[in-house]
């Protein structure tokens, strides 16, 4: 994100707003990155903000904590000062399920950006995204090995509603059922690009990752206007006024 911001604007980003910030992981990582970085995290849920303060902000130095502000508020209503960059990651903005609500949010983001600011967001899709299905992955962590289970429990092709859950299975036979649940609208890239344009963003870029020699995604995201019709994909977008 830092590199792309500099590429798009010709200057470094200093002030970041993390919308739907939850645990504020991005905000905390941002202020750690550079002594001139400041962050504002916004979320509607006071419980997750309390968790963020106890677990993530508590791990920052005093200087870093002084540059990271968490605020409870509705991203559709608050009027923070202009920022260099705003982010809505982990598909958080998908809780906005109709075009009017999404347009209102994108307009709010645009009004809260510096004149050369950049809005970053992510999306996923592909034919698998429209299916009711379950995917399991084995995770090797410092605490041991466990199974991560992604469940797409419901998809309605009429209104695009998507309900997903994350479960965890552990070697001792225990299971953490629905550790996380998401009630979303599955937005497609053409829809997102159209609503961003309607909100006044004149330059929208899509960043797609390539593939390594082993057939796995290489994690390198580059701007493109064309992409493969993969069964499952993940990408980033940048939008500028």
C-alpha atoms as a PDB file:
ATOM      1  CA  UNK A   1       0.000   0.000   0.000  1.00  0.00           C
ATOM      2  CA  UNK A   2       2.812   2.424   0.849  1.00  0.00           C
ATOM      3  CA  UNK A   3       4.559   1.705  -2.434  1.00  0.00           C
ATOM      4  CA  UNK A   4       1.368   2.014  -4.461  1.00  0.00           C
ATOM      5  CA  UNK A   5       0.439   5.286  -2.776  1.00  0.00           C
ATOM      6  CA  UNK A   6       3.826   6.752  -3.625  1.00  0.00           C
ATOM      7  CA  UNK A   7       3.558   5.446  -7.193  1.00  0.00           C
ATOM      8  CA  UNK A   8       0.124   6.996  -7.618  1.00  0.00           C
ATOM      9  CA  UNK A   9       0.786  10.339  -5.930  1.00  0.00           C
ATOM     10  CA  UNK A  10       4.541  10.884  -6.014  1.00  0.00           C
ATOM     11  CA  UNK A  11       4.718  11.417  -2.245  1.00  0.00           C
ATOM     12  CA  UNK A  12       4.628   9.313   0.932  1.00  0.00           C
ATOM     13  CA  UNK A  13       1.414   8.723   2.881  1.00  0.00           C
ATOM     14  CA  UNK A  14       1.426   9.807   6.511  1.00  0.00           C
ATOM     15  CA  UNK A  15      -2.154   9.861   7.839  1.00  0.00           C
ATOM     16  CA  UNK A  16      -4.302   6.731   7.461  1.00  0.00           C
ATOM     17  CA  UNK A  17      -7.943   6.079   8.338  1.00  0.00           C
ATOM     18  CA  UNK A  18      -8.941   2.445   8.837  1.00  0.00           C
ATOM     19  CA  UNK A  19     -12.707   2.082   8.398  1.00  0.00           C
ATOM     20  CA  UNK A  20     -14.493  -0.871  10.029  1.00  0.00           C
ATOM     21  CA  UNK A  21     -11.217  -1.234  11.893  1.00  0.00           C
ATOM     22  CA  UNK A  22     -12.233  -4.023  14.303  1.00  0.00           C
ATOM     23  CA  UNK A  23      -9.063  -5.047  16.134  1.00  0.00           C
ATOM     24  CA  UNK A  24      -7.189  -2.125  14.510  1.00  0.00           C
ATOM     25  CA  UNK A  25      -4.424  -4.398  13.256  1.00  0.00           C
ATOM     26  CA  UNK A  26      -3.789  -2.220  10.199  1.00  0.00           C
ATOM     27  CA  UNK A  27      -3.693   0.997  12.238  1.00  0.00           C
ATOM     28  CA  UNK A  28      -1.211  -0.501  14.698  1.00  0.00           C
ATOM     29  CA  UNK A  29       1.005  -1.835  11.916  1.00  0.00           C
ATOM     30  CA  UNK A  30       0.871   1.572  10.226  1.00  0.00           C
ATOM     31  CA  UNK A  31       2.190   3.570  13.188  1.00  0.00           C
ATOM     32  CA  UNK A  32       4.888   0.949  13.775  1.00  0.00           C
ATOM     33  CA  UNK A  33       6.088   1.366  10.201  1.00  0.00           C
ATOM     34  CA  UNK A  34       7.341   4.962  10.463  1.00  0.00           C
ATOM     35  CA  UNK A  35       7.723   7.617  13.153  1.00  0.00           C
ATOM     36  CA  UNK A  36       5.760  10.099  11.011  1.00  0.00           C
ATOM     37  CA  UNK A  37       2.785   7.770  10.523  1.00  0.00           C
ATOM     38  CA  UNK A  38      -0.518   8.517  12.243  1.00  0.00           C
ATOM     39  CA  UNK A  39      -3.671   6.412  12.171  1.00  0.00           C
ATOM     40  CA  UNK A  40      -7.358   6.771  12.952  1.00  0.00           C
ATOM     41  CA  UNK A  41      -9.415   3.594  13.376  1.00  0.00           C
ATOM     42  CA  UNK A  42     -13.214   3.768  13.133  1.00  0.00           C
ATOM     43  CA  UNK A  43     -15.648   1.056  14.172  1.00  0.00           C
ATOM     44  CA  UNK A  44     -19.257   0.912  15.320  1.00  0.00           C
ATOM     45  CA  UNK A  45     -18.727  -1.899  17.848  1.00  0.00           C
ATOM     46  CA  UNK A  46     -17.386  -0.774  21.253  1.00  0.00           C
ATOM     47  CA  UNK A  47     -16.506  -4.346  22.244  1.00  0.00           C
ATOM     48  CA  UNK A  48     -14.001  -4.903  19.440  1.00  0.00           C
ATOM     49  CA  UNK A  49     -12.483  -1.480  20.089  1.00  0.00           C
ATOM     50  CA  UNK A  50     -12.028  -2.385  23.744  1.00  0.00           C
ATOM     51  CA  UNK A  51     -10.328  -5.636  22.669  1.00  0.00           C
ATOM     52  CA  UNK A  52      -8.114  -3.699  20.256  1.00  0.00           C
ATOM     53  CA  UNK A  53      -7.001  -1.315  22.976  1.00  0.00           C
ATOM     54  CA  UNK A  54      -6.221  -4.103  25.434  1.00  0.00           C
ATOM     55  CA  UNK A  55      -4.418  -6.397  23.026  1.00  0.00           C
ATOM     56  CA  UNK A  56      -3.074  -4.432  20.042  1.00  0.00           C
ATOM     57  CA  UNK A  57      -2.624  -0.863  21.240  1.00  0.00           C
ATOM     58  CA  UNK A  58      -1.153  -2.181  24.480  1.00  0.00           C
ATOM     59  CA  UNK A  59       1.665  -3.730  22.453  1.00  0.00           C
ATOM     60  CA  UNK A  60       2.710  -0.391  20.964  1.00  0.00           C
ATOM     61  CA  UNK A  61       5.326   1.904  22.405  1.00  0.00           C
ATOM     62  CA  UNK A  62       4.149   5.096  24.113  1.00  0.00           C
ATOM     63  CA  UNK A  63       5.110   7.107  21.035  1.00  0.00           C
ATOM     64  CA  UNK A  64       3.227   4.743  18.732  1.00  0.00           C
ATOM     65  CA  UNK A  65       0.116   4.764  20.918  1.00  0.00           C
ATOM     66  CA  UNK A  66       0.153   8.556  20.802  1.00  0.00           C
ATOM     67  CA  UNK A  67      -0.096   8.409  17.024  1.00  0.00           C
ATOM     68  CA  UNK A  68      -2.929   5.849  16.874  1.00  0.00           C
ATOM     69  CA  UNK A  69      -6.478   6.936  17.694  1.00  0.00           C
ATOM     70  CA  UNK A  70      -9.454   4.574  17.867  1.00  0.00           C
ATOM     71  CA  UNK A  71     -12.914   6.061  17.703  1.00  0.00           C
ATOM     72  CA  UNK A  72     -16.353   4.497  17.976  1.00  0.00           C
ATOM     73  CA  UNK A  73     -18.574   5.758  15.193  1.00  0.00           C
ATOM     74  CA  UNK A  74     -20.575   5.017  12.081  1.00  0.00           C
ATOM     75  CA  UNK A  75     -18.430   5.363   8.952  1.00  0.00           C
ATOM     76  CA  UNK A  76     -21.525   6.701   7.173  1.00  0.00           C
ATOM     77  CA  UNK A  77     -21.878   9.600   9.627  1.00  0.00           C
ATOM     78  CA  UNK A  78     -18.536  10.654  11.067  1.00  0.00           C
ATOM     79  CA  UNK A  79     -16.679  13.569   9.526  1.00  0.00           C
ATOM     80  CA  UNK A  80     -13.002  13.103  10.346  1.00  0.00           C
ATOM     81  CA  UNK A  81     -10.376  15.460   9.011  1.00  0.00           C
ATOM     82  CA  UNK A  82      -8.932  14.727   5.549  1.00  0.00           C
ATOM     83  CA  UNK A  83      -6.491  11.812   5.409  1.00  0.00           C
ATOM     84  CA  UNK A  84      -3.865  10.742   2.912  1.00  0.00           C
ATOM     85  CA  UNK A  85      -5.286   7.261   2.587  1.00  0.00           C
ATOM     86  CA  UNK A  86      -8.397   5.418   3.734  1.00  0.00           C
ATOM     87  CA  UNK A  87      -8.717   1.635   3.797  1.00  0.00           C
ATOM     88  CA  UNK A  88     -11.634  -0.788   4.045  1.00  0.00           C
ATOM     89  CA  UNK A  89     -10.121  -4.271   4.162  1.00  0.00           C
ATOM     90  CA  UNK A  90     -11.139  -7.862   4.880  1.00  0.00           C
ATOM     91  CA  UNK A  91     -14.281  -7.196   2.797  1.00  0.00           C
ATOM     92  CA  UNK A  92     -15.674  -5.216   5.751  1.00  0.00           C
ATOM     93  CA  UNK A  93     -17.659  -2.807   3.589  1.00  0.00           C
ATOM     94  CA  UNK A  94     -19.672  -5.782   2.265  1.00  0.00           C
ATOM     95  CA  UNK A  95     -21.951  -5.330   5.271  1.00  0.00           C
ATOM     96  CA  UNK A  96     -23.463  -2.542   3.138  1.00  0.00           C
ATOM     97  CA  UNK A  97     -25.926  -4.603   1.145  1.00  0.00           C
ATOM     98  CA  UNK A  98     -27.591  -2.170  -1.225  1.00  0.00           C
ATOM     99  CA  UNK A  99     -26.228   0.156  -3.865  1.00  0.00           C
ATOM    100  CA  UNK A 100     -27.539   3.297  -2.146  1.00  0.00           C
ATOM    101  CA  UNK A 101     -25.717   2.449   1.081  1.00  0.00           C
ATOM    102  CA  UNK A 102     -22.499   1.563  -0.720  1.00  0.00           C
ATOM    103  CA  UNK A 103     -22.653   4.768  -2.757  1.00  0.00           C
ATOM    104  CA  UNK A 104     -23.207   6.804   0.378  1.00  0.00           C
ATOM    105  CA  UNK A 105     -20.163   5.206   2.004  1.00  0.00           C
ATOM    106  CA  UNK A 106     -17.910   5.705  -1.020  1.00  0.00           C
ATOM    107  CA  UNK A 107     -18.973   9.356  -1.218  1.00  0.00           C
ATOM    108  CA  UNK A 108     -18.178   9.753   2.474  1.00  0.00           C
ATOM    109  CA  UNK A 109     -14.711   8.264   1.898  1.00  0.00           C
ATOM    110  CA  UNK A 110     -14.071  10.588  -1.022  1.00  0.00           C
ATOM    111  CA  UNK A 111     -15.072  13.651   1.003  1.00  0.00           C
ATOM    112  CA  UNK A 112     -12.639  12.601   3.747  1.00  0.00           C
ATOM    113  CA  UNK A 113      -9.581  12.259   1.507  1.00  0.00           C
ATOM    114  CA  UNK A 114      -6.887  14.788   0.788  1.00  0.00           C
ATOM    115  CA  UNK A 115      -7.095  16.215  -2.725  1.00  0.00           C
ATOM    116  CA  UNK A 116      -4.563  13.627  -3.912  1.00  0.00           C
ATOM    117  CA  UNK A 117      -5.599  10.930  -1.437  1.00  0.00           C
ATOM    118  CA  UNK A 118      -6.103   7.246  -2.249  1.00  0.00           C
ATOM    119  CA  UNK A 119      -8.760   4.810  -1.056  1.00  0.00           C
ATOM    120  CA  UNK A 120      -7.727   1.136  -0.855  1.00  0.00           C
ATOM    121  CA  UNK A 121     -10.149  -1.793  -0.557  1.00  0.00           C
ATOM    122  CA  UNK A 122     -10.188  -5.502  -1.307  1.00  0.00           C
ATOM    123  CA  UNK A 123     -12.577  -7.967  -2.914  1.00  0.00           C
ATOM    124  CA  UNK A 124     -12.863 -11.642  -3.758  1.00  0.00           C
ATOM    125  CA  UNK A 125     -14.833 -13.566  -6.329  1.00  0.00           C
ATOM    126  CA  UNK A 126     -14.767 -16.241  -8.997  1.00  0.00           C
ATOM    127  CA  UNK A 127     -17.283 -18.985  -9.700  1.00  0.00           C
ATOM    128  CA  UNK A 128     -16.606 -20.649  -6.331  1.00  0.00           C
ATOM    129  CA  UNK A 129     -17.719 -17.495  -4.517  1.00  0.00           C
ATOM    130  CA  UNK A 130     -21.312 -18.142  -5.600  1.00  0.00           C
ATOM    131  CA  UNK A 131     -21.407 -21.665  -4.179  1.00  0.00           C
ATOM    132  CA  UNK A 132     -22.486 -23.117  -0.857  1.00  0.00           C
ATOM    133  CA  UNK A 133     -19.303 -24.967   0.057  1.00  0.00           C
ATOM    134  CA  UNK A 134     -16.628 -25.688   2.682  1.00  0.00           C
ATOM    135  CA  UNK A 135     -12.846 -25.477   2.362  1.00  0.00           C
ATOM    136  CA  UNK A 136     -10.308 -26.796   4.875  1.00  0.00           C
ATOM    137  CA  UNK A 137      -6.656 -25.854   5.296  1.00  0.00           C
ATOM    138  CA  UNK A 138      -4.025 -27.151   7.700  1.00  0.00           C
ATOM    139  CA  UNK A 139      -2.237 -24.321   9.497  1.00  0.00           C
ATOM    140  CA  UNK A 140       1.168 -24.738  11.135  1.00  0.00           C
ATOM    141  CA  UNK A 141       1.380 -22.125  13.882  1.00  0.00           C
ATOM    142  CA  UNK A 142       3.931 -21.421  16.600  1.00  0.00           C
ATOM    143  CA  UNK A 143       1.436 -22.929  19.047  1.00  0.00           C
ATOM    144  CA  UNK A 144       0.937 -26.084  16.958  1.00  0.00           C
ATOM    145  CA  UNK A 145      -1.057 -27.392  14.016  1.00  0.00           C
ATOM    146  CA  UNK A 146      -4.790 -26.870  13.541  1.00  0.00           C
ATOM    147  CA  UNK A 147      -7.378 -26.949  10.775  1.00  0.00           C
ATOM    148  CA  UNK A 148      -8.911 -23.762   9.405  1.00  0.00           C
ATOM    149  CA  UNK A 149     -12.367 -24.240   7.917  1.00  0.00           C
ATOM    150  CA  UNK A 150     -13.983 -21.649   5.643  1.00  0.00           C
ATOM    151  CA  UNK A 151     -17.699 -22.246   5.136  1.00  0.00           C
ATOM    152  CA  UNK A 152     -19.896 -20.452   2.625  1.00  0.00           C
ATOM    153  CA  UNK A 153     -23.177 -21.370   4.270  1.00  0.00           C
ATOM    154  CA  UNK A 154     -25.622 -19.393   2.153  1.00  0.00           C
ATOM    155  CA  UNK A 155     -25.750 -17.515  -1.133  1.00  0.00           C
ATOM    156  CA  UNK A 156     -28.856 -15.974  -2.671  1.00  0.00           C
ATOM    157  CA  UNK A 157     -28.334 -15.209  -6.375  1.00  0.00           C
ATOM    158  CA  UNK A 158     -31.344 -12.883  -6.385  1.00  0.00           C
ATOM    159  CA  UNK A 159     -30.034 -10.308  -3.934  1.00  0.00           C
ATOM    160  CA  UNK A 160     -26.376 -11.343  -3.640  1.00  0.00           C
ATOM    161  CA  UNK A 161     -26.538 -12.047   0.098  1.00  0.00           C
ATOM    162  CA  UNK A 162     -23.697 -14.236   1.343  1.00  0.00           C
ATOM    163  CA  UNK A 163     -23.262 -15.758   4.799  1.00  0.00           C
ATOM    164  CA  UNK A 164     -19.887 -17.239   5.737  1.00  0.00           C
ATOM    165  CA  UNK A 165     -18.370 -18.783   8.853  1.00  0.00           C
ATOM    166  CA  UNK A 166     -14.870 -19.664  10.021  1.00  0.00           C
ATOM    167  CA  UNK A 167     -14.383 -22.727  12.248  1.00  0.00           C
ATOM    168  CA  UNK A 168     -11.259 -24.253  13.775  1.00  0.00           C
ATOM    169  CA  UNK A 169     -10.511 -27.919  14.513  1.00  0.00           C
ATOM    170  CA  UNK A 170      -7.682 -28.796  16.913  1.00  0.00           C
ATOM    171  CA  UNK A 171      -5.539 -31.937  17.291  1.00  0.00           C
ATOM    172  CA  UNK A 172      -7.116 -32.772  20.670  1.00  0.00           C
ATOM    173  CA  UNK A 173     -10.481 -33.225  18.949  1.00  0.00           C
ATOM    174  CA  UNK A 174     -11.957 -29.933  20.113  1.00  0.00           C
ATOM    175  CA  UNK A 175     -13.625 -27.555  17.693  1.00  0.00           C
ATOM    176  CA  UNK A 176     -14.260 -23.832  17.749  1.00  0.00           C
ATOM    177  CA  UNK A 177     -17.555 -23.531  15.908  1.00  0.00           C
ATOM    178  CA  UNK A 178     -18.318 -20.269  14.094  1.00  0.00           C
ATOM    179  CA  UNK A 179     -15.395 -18.409  15.564  1.00  0.00           C
ATOM    180  CA  UNK A 180     -16.233 -15.730  13.018  1.00  0.00           C
ATOM    181  CA  UNK A 181     -19.419 -15.172  11.025  1.00  0.00           C
ATOM    182  CA  UNK A 182     -20.026 -12.758   8.172  1.00  0.00           C
ATOM    183  CA  UNK A 183     -23.333 -11.533   6.761  1.00  0.00           C
ATOM    184  CA  UNK A 184     -22.397  -9.838   3.484  1.00  0.00           C
ATOM    185  CA  UNK A 185     -23.472  -8.764   0.044  1.00  0.00           C
ATOM    186  CA  UNK A 186     -21.182 -10.338  -2.547  1.00  0.00           C
ATOM    187  CA  UNK A 187     -20.190  -7.337  -4.647  1.00  0.00           C
ATOM    188  CA  UNK A 188     -18.658  -7.969  -8.061  1.00  0.00           C
ATOM    189  CA  UNK A 189     -15.800  -5.921  -9.461  1.00  0.00           C
ATOM    190  CA  UNK A 190     -17.895  -4.264 -12.205  1.00  0.00           C
ATOM    191  CA  UNK A 191     -20.404  -3.176  -9.564  1.00  0.00           C
ATOM    192  CA  UNK A 192     -17.682  -1.790  -7.304  1.00  0.00           C
ATOM    193  CA  UNK A 193     -16.003   0.092 -10.126  1.00  0.00           C
ATOM    194  CA  UNK A 194     -19.303   1.581 -11.241  1.00  0.00           C
ATOM    195  CA  UNK A 195     -20.285   2.736  -7.738  1.00  0.00           C
ATOM    196  CA  UNK A 196     -16.813   4.178  -7.111  1.00  0.00           C
ATOM    197  CA  UNK A 197     -17.113   6.158 -10.345  1.00  0.00           C
ATOM    198  CA  UNK A 198     -20.585   7.330  -9.367  1.00  0.00           C
ATOM    199  CA  UNK A 199     -19.177   8.470  -6.009  1.00  0.00           C
ATOM    200  CA  UNK A 200     -16.698  10.726  -7.792  1.00  0.00           C
ATOM    201  CA  UNK A 201     -13.576   8.576  -8.008  1.00  0.00           C
ATOM    202  CA  UNK A 202     -12.109   9.206 -11.439  1.00  0.00           C
ATOM    203  CA  UNK A 203      -9.221   6.742 -11.324  1.00  0.00           C
ATOM    204  CA  UNK A 204      -9.810   3.166 -10.171  1.00  0.00           C
ATOM    205  CA  UNK A 205      -7.109   0.510 -10.421  1.00  0.00           C
ATOM    206  CA  UNK A 206      -7.410  -3.233  -9.854  1.00  0.00           C
ATOM    207  CA  UNK A 207      -4.388  -5.154  -8.530  1.00  0.00           C
ATOM    208  CA  UNK A 208      -4.197  -8.860  -9.403  1.00  0.00           C
ATOM    209  CA  UNK A 209      -1.690 -11.404  -8.169  1.00  0.00           C
ATOM    210  CA  UNK A 210       0.283 -13.674 -10.445  1.00  0.00           C
ATOM    211  CA  UNK A 211       1.212 -17.337 -10.258  1.00  0.00           C
ATOM    212  CA  UNK A 212       4.486 -18.981  -9.349  1.00  0.00           C
ATOM    213  CA  UNK A 213       6.182 -21.932 -11.020  1.00  0.00           C
ATOM    214  CA  UNK A 214       4.593 -24.243  -8.443  1.00  0.00           C
ATOM    215  CA  UNK A 215       1.112 -23.244  -9.591  1.00  0.00           C
ATOM    216  CA  UNK A 216       0.405 -21.289  -6.402  1.00  0.00           C
ATOM    217  CA  UNK A 217      -0.463 -17.608  -6.196  1.00  0.00           C
ATOM    218  CA  UNK A 218       2.756 -15.615  -5.789  1.00  0.00           C
ATOM    219  CA  UNK A 219       1.327 -12.873  -3.557  1.00  0.00           C
ATOM    220  CA  UNK A 220       2.571 -10.110  -5.873  1.00  0.00           C
ATOM    221  CA  UNK A 221      -0.276  -7.757  -6.817  1.00  0.00           C
ATOM    222  CA  UNK A 222       0.128  -5.658  -9.952  1.00  0.00           C
ATOM    223  CA  UNK A 223      -2.295  -3.251 -11.670  1.00  0.00           C
ATOM    224  CA  UNK A 224      -4.106  -4.745 -14.638  1.00  0.00           C
ATOM    225  CA  UNK A 225      -7.150  -4.293 -16.839  1.00  0.00           C
ATOM    226  CA  UNK A 226      -7.518  -7.997 -17.647  1.00  0.00           C
ATOM    227  CA  UNK A 227      -7.440 -11.121 -15.475  1.00  0.00           C
ATOM    228  CA  UNK A 228      -8.043 -14.852 -15.713  1.00  0.00           C
ATOM    229  CA  UNK A 229     -11.503 -16.198 -14.965  1.00  0.00           C
ATOM    230  CA  UNK A 230     -10.253 -18.293 -12.052  1.00  0.00           C
ATOM    231  CA  UNK A 231     -12.667 -20.250  -9.872  1.00  0.00           C
ATOM    232  CA  UNK A 232     -11.477 -18.203  -6.896  1.00  0.00           C
ATOM    233  CA  UNK A 233      -9.551 -14.946  -6.814  1.00  0.00           C
ATOM    234  CA  UNK A 234      -8.644 -12.150  -4.400  1.00  0.00           C
ATOM    235  CA  UNK A 235      -7.647  -8.637  -5.401  1.00  0.00           C
ATOM    236  CA  UNK A 236      -7.111  -5.053  -4.232  1.00  0.00           C
ATOM    237  CA  UNK A 237      -8.489  -1.840  -5.647  1.00  0.00           C
ATOM    238  CA  UNK A 238      -7.286   1.740  -5.379  1.00  0.00           C
ATOM    239  CA  UNK A 239      -9.528   4.718  -6.052  1.00  0.00           C
ATOM    240  CA  UNK A 240      -8.530   8.360  -6.442  1.00  0.00           C
ATOM    241  CA  UNK A 241     -10.694  11.491  -6.721  1.00  0.00           C
END
